[in-house]
Protein backbone atom coordinates (compact mmCIF):
# COMPACT_ATOMS: atom_id res chain seq x y z
CA SER A 1 -32.69 59.04 -42.56
CA PRO A 2 -31.39 56.24 -40.71
CA PHE A 3 -34.82 53.40 -41.75
CA SER A 4 -34.81 54.25 -45.11
CA VAL A 5 -30.82 53.09 -45.23
CA ARG A 6 -31.58 50.58 -42.60
CA SER A 7 -34.33 49.19 -45.15
CA CYS A 8 -32.07 49.03 -47.95
CA ILE A 9 -29.56 47.64 -46.19
CA GLY A 10 -31.96 44.48 -45.03
CA THR A 11 -33.52 44.41 -49.00
CA LEU A 12 -29.85 44.01 -50.13
CA VAL A 13 -29.17 41.15 -47.33
CA VAL A 14 -32.11 39.49 -48.26
CA LEU A 15 -31.06 39.82 -52.18
CA VAL A 16 -27.71 38.95 -51.86
CA LEU A 17 -28.67 35.74 -49.53
CA PHE A 18 -31.28 34.67 -52.17
CA ARG A 19 -28.86 35.03 -54.60
CA VAL A 20 -26.41 32.73 -53.15
CA GLY A 21 -29.43 30.13 -52.61
CA GLU A 22 -29.62 30.68 -56.13
CA ILE A 23 -26.01 29.32 -56.78
CA ALA A 24 -25.95 27.27 -54.05
CA GLU A 25 -28.55 24.97 -55.88
CA ALA A 26 -27.25 25.43 -59.84
CA CYS A 27 -26.16 22.63 -61.31
CA SER A 28 -22.86 22.53 -62.19
CA CYS A 29 -20.63 19.74 -64.24
CA SER A 30 -17.41 19.73 -65.42
CA PRO A 31 -16.54 19.05 -68.87
CA VAL A 32 -15.97 15.54 -69.72
CA HIS A 33 -14.46 13.22 -72.82
CA PRO A 34 -16.81 10.21 -73.69
CA GLN A 35 -14.63 7.87 -73.27
CA GLN A 36 -13.98 9.39 -69.54
CA ALA A 37 -18.05 9.44 -69.28
CA PHE A 38 -18.04 5.96 -70.67
CA CYS A 39 -15.64 4.72 -67.75
CA ASN A 40 -16.63 6.41 -65.31
CA ALA A 41 -20.41 5.29 -65.53
CA ASP A 42 -21.48 1.99 -63.69
CA ALA A 43 -23.65 1.14 -66.78
CA VAL A 44 -23.91 2.38 -70.24
CA THR A 45 -27.38 1.77 -72.32
CA SER A 46 -29.20 2.55 -75.31
CA ALA A 47 -32.47 2.75 -74.73
CA ALA A 48 -36.03 4.34 -75.19
CA VAL A 49 -38.22 6.06 -72.43
CA ILE A 50 -41.22 4.71 -72.47
CA GLY A 51 -42.87 6.56 -69.13
CA LYS A 52 -42.35 9.22 -66.68
CA VAL A 53 -43.95 9.43 -62.86
CA ASP A 54 -42.99 11.21 -59.78
CA SER A 55 -41.24 8.69 -57.45
CA GLY A 56 -40.45 8.60 -53.60
CA ASN A 57 -41.43 11.36 -51.00
CA ASP A 58 -39.40 14.35 -49.70
CA ILE A 59 -38.95 14.85 -46.08
CA TYR A 60 -42.44 16.73 -46.28
CA GLY A 61 -43.89 13.50 -47.05
CA ASN A 62 -44.27 15.22 -50.94
CA PRO A 63 -43.74 12.89 -53.87
CA ILE A 64 -41.34 14.91 -55.71
CA LYS A 65 -37.87 12.89 -54.54
CA ARG A 66 -37.09 11.76 -57.47
CA ILE A 67 -38.55 11.26 -61.33
CA GLN A 68 -38.89 8.02 -62.36
CA TYR A 69 -38.12 6.79 -66.04
CA GLU A 70 -39.57 3.94 -67.51
CA ILE A 71 -37.28 2.57 -70.28
CA LYS A 72 -37.30 -0.28 -72.88
CA GLN A 73 -33.58 -1.04 -73.04
CA ILE A 74 -32.15 -1.65 -76.73
CA LYS A 75 -28.01 -2.74 -76.18
CA MET A 76 -26.01 -2.50 -72.59
CA PHE A 77 -22.52 -1.74 -73.22
CA LYS A 78 -21.66 -1.90 -69.98
CA GLY A 79 -23.09 -2.46 -66.37
CA PRO A 80 -24.90 -5.38 -64.58
CA ASP A 81 -26.05 -8.66 -66.41
CA ARG A 82 -29.42 -7.75 -66.86
CA HIS A 83 -31.82 -5.73 -68.18
CA ILE A 84 -32.20 -2.09 -67.18
CA ASP A 85 -35.90 -1.02 -66.62
CA VAL A 86 -35.95 1.87 -64.58
CA ILE A 87 -33.67 5.38 -63.78
CA PHE A 88 -34.17 7.97 -61.53
CA THR A 89 -33.12 11.29 -61.57
CA ALA A 90 -33.36 14.36 -59.50
CA PRO A 91 -36.44 16.07 -59.72
CA THR A 92 -35.14 19.66 -61.31
CA SER A 93 -32.38 20.57 -63.13
CA ALA A 94 -31.41 22.85 -60.64
CA VAL A 95 -30.12 19.93 -58.63
CA CYS A 96 -28.87 18.11 -61.89
CA GLY A 97 -32.15 16.27 -62.50
CA VAL A 98 -32.81 15.01 -66.63
CA THR A 99 -36.04 16.88 -66.76
CA ASN A 100 -36.40 16.98 -70.66
CA LEU A 101 -36.72 13.30 -71.90
CA ASP A 102 -39.41 12.39 -74.60
CA THR A 103 -40.91 9.48 -73.28
CA ASN A 104 -42.90 8.12 -75.93
CA GLY A 105 -40.43 5.68 -76.75
CA LYS A 106 -39.71 6.96 -80.52
CA LYS A 107 -36.69 8.42 -79.59
CA GLU A 108 -33.66 6.15 -78.95
CA TYR A 109 -31.32 7.19 -76.33
CA LEU A 110 -27.48 6.59 -74.77
CA ILE A 111 -27.72 6.50 -71.00
CA SER A 112 -25.15 6.42 -68.66
CA GLY A 113 -24.94 6.50 -64.84
CA LYS A 114 -24.84 4.88 -61.79
CA ALA A 115 -26.14 1.42 -61.60
CA GLU A 116 -28.90 0.48 -58.64
CA ALA A 117 -30.23 -2.45 -57.45
CA ASN A 118 -32.95 -4.72 -59.56
CA GLY A 119 -32.40 -3.36 -62.65
CA LYS A 120 -32.34 0.63 -61.96
CA MET A 121 -29.96 3.13 -62.04
CA HIS A 122 -29.57 6.70 -61.44
CA VAL A 123 -28.32 9.45 -63.33
CA THR A 124 -27.68 13.34 -63.65
CA LEU A 125 -27.22 15.81 -66.17
CA CYS A 126 -23.28 15.40 -65.48
CA ASP A 127 -23.72 11.96 -66.77
CA LEU A 128 -23.23 11.20 -70.70
CA ILE A 129 -26.66 10.95 -71.93
CA MET A 130 -27.74 12.08 -75.63
CA PRO A 131 -29.81 11.27 -78.16
CA TRP A 132 -28.95 8.32 -80.27
CA GLU A 133 -29.20 9.83 -83.65
CA SER A 134 -27.19 12.60 -82.44
CA MET A 135 -23.83 10.57 -82.50
CA SER A 136 -21.31 9.04 -85.23
CA ALA A 137 -21.09 5.81 -86.76
CA THR A 138 -17.57 6.20 -84.91
CA GLN A 139 -18.91 7.14 -81.58
CA LYS A 140 -21.04 4.47 -81.72
CA LYS A 141 -18.72 1.78 -82.46
CA SER A 142 -16.52 2.96 -79.70
CA LEU A 143 -19.14 1.81 -76.92
CA SER A 144 -18.68 -1.53 -77.95
CA GLN A 145 -14.56 -1.28 -78.27
CA ARG A 146 -12.47 1.18 -77.98
CA TYR A 147 -13.65 3.25 -75.21
CA GLN A 148 -14.06 -0.02 -72.67
CA MET A 149 -10.44 -0.53 -73.91
CA GLY A 150 -9.16 3.05 -72.70
CA CYS A 151 -11.03 3.04 -69.00
CA ASP A 152 -6.89 2.24 -67.37
CA CYS A 153 -5.90 5.35 -69.01
CA LYS A 154 -7.53 8.57 -68.40
CA ILE A 155 -8.38 11.64 -70.46
CA THR A 156 -6.98 15.39 -68.80
CA ARG A 157 -8.88 18.33 -69.91
CA CYS A 158 -6.19 20.79 -70.73
CA ALA A 159 -7.59 24.37 -69.63
CA THR A 160 -4.58 26.84 -70.42
CA PHE A 161 -1.47 26.16 -72.37
CA PRO A 162 0.95 25.09 -71.52
CA CYS A 163 -0.30 22.20 -69.70
CA GLU A 164 0.68 18.52 -69.87
CA ILE A 165 0.20 14.95 -68.43
CA SER A 166 1.14 14.36 -64.77
CA ALA A 167 1.45 10.80 -64.82
CA PRO A 168 1.76 7.79 -68.09
CA GLU A 169 -1.55 6.99 -67.99
CA GLU A 170 -3.06 10.25 -69.25
CA CYS A 171 -4.41 11.69 -72.66
CA LEU A 172 -4.47 15.15 -72.79
CA TRP A 173 -8.00 16.80 -74.36
CA THR A 174 -6.76 19.85 -75.67
CA ASP A 175 -10.03 21.22 -77.96
CA TRP A 176 -10.71 24.38 -75.64
CA VAL A 177 -7.21 25.99 -75.91
CA THR A 178 -6.97 24.92 -79.79
CA GLU A 179 -10.42 25.16 -80.96
CA LYS A 180 -12.00 27.44 -77.57
CA ILE A 181 -14.68 24.95 -77.43
CA ILE A 182 -15.30 22.37 -75.33
CA HIS A 183 -16.40 19.40 -77.74
CA GLY A 184 -14.49 20.18 -81.02
CA ARG A 185 -12.58 17.81 -82.93
CA GLN A 186 -11.12 15.46 -80.28
CA SER A 187 -14.75 14.73 -79.16
CA GLU A 188 -17.68 15.81 -81.48
CA LYS A 189 -19.17 13.78 -83.50
CA ARG A 190 -18.57 15.99 -86.94
CA HIS A 191 -14.98 14.92 -86.67
CA ARG A 192 -13.70 11.79 -85.93
CA PRO A 193 -13.12 12.08 -82.37
CA ILE A 194 -10.21 10.40 -79.87
CA ALA A 195 -9.43 7.78 -77.57
CA CYS A 196 -7.20 7.27 -75.27
CA THR A 197 -5.81 3.80 -75.34
CA GLU A 198 -2.71 2.09 -74.11
CA LYS A 199 0.11 1.75 -76.57
CA GLU A 200 0.59 -1.61 -77.57
CA GLU A 201 4.18 -1.85 -77.07
CA THR A 202 3.95 -1.20 -73.21
CA LYS A 203 0.66 -2.61 -72.00
CA SER A 204 2.89 -4.97 -70.04
CA GLU A 205 5.17 -2.62 -68.86
CA VAL A 206 4.36 -0.77 -65.11
CA PRO A 207 3.49 1.52 -64.95
CA SER A 208 1.17 2.02 -68.25
CA SER A 209 1.52 4.16 -70.88
CA CYS A 210 -1.51 5.45 -72.62
CA ASP A 211 -2.31 7.90 -76.18
CA VAL A 212 -4.26 9.60 -77.87
CA ASN A 213 -5.61 7.34 -81.31
CA LYS A 214 -7.93 8.80 -84.14
CA LEU A 215 -10.77 5.94 -84.07
CA ARG A 216 -10.10 5.48 -88.21
CA SER A 217 -10.06 1.22 -88.12
CA LEU A 218 -13.32 1.45 -86.28
CA LEU A 219 -15.02 2.59 -89.11
CA ALA A 220 -13.82 -0.04 -91.37
CA ALA A 221 -15.00 -2.54 -88.73
């Protein structure tokens, strides 16, 4: 009947709009190599999380605007010349909030994000945040040495072959096309990850020229 047809159409419209709303609220992050994530961040630190509370108010006065983590900073690798005491994030993972950090103070994390005033920073699911124990010795040493050296370079992900660099300061990240996984030999901790740094012979030239380097030298440092 016309009534049932209109009802079905109305139901479909509601479902479609609901699904569109779900998609609009989903958090989506493009894959980023650890070095590029380091260079993109204002602050990079290792820390243990010792507390978690809701902070601020939304437009209705509800205290769910942001999650506030209290942290005990262990080492600052990049950022302001002061301790980071608090990190903020969105209230849910749907809007890229980091909601699953252990808060008992026993687990150390590498945390990167956007620096804020007064010893605070803001983090999202798109930032480089990982348990310290899951990182290789090479990755840990790269935080203090090689990654910062490569911040004038850019690591570009190769999604399909053929792919090529568009500027001399770029290095290709080919894990996806060679191994069909995002974090393969060029970035994953089980292997010797790459860094993209300026070539020694071109450091004084403009434009700079960057190259992929396996971090063997850091293992012996």
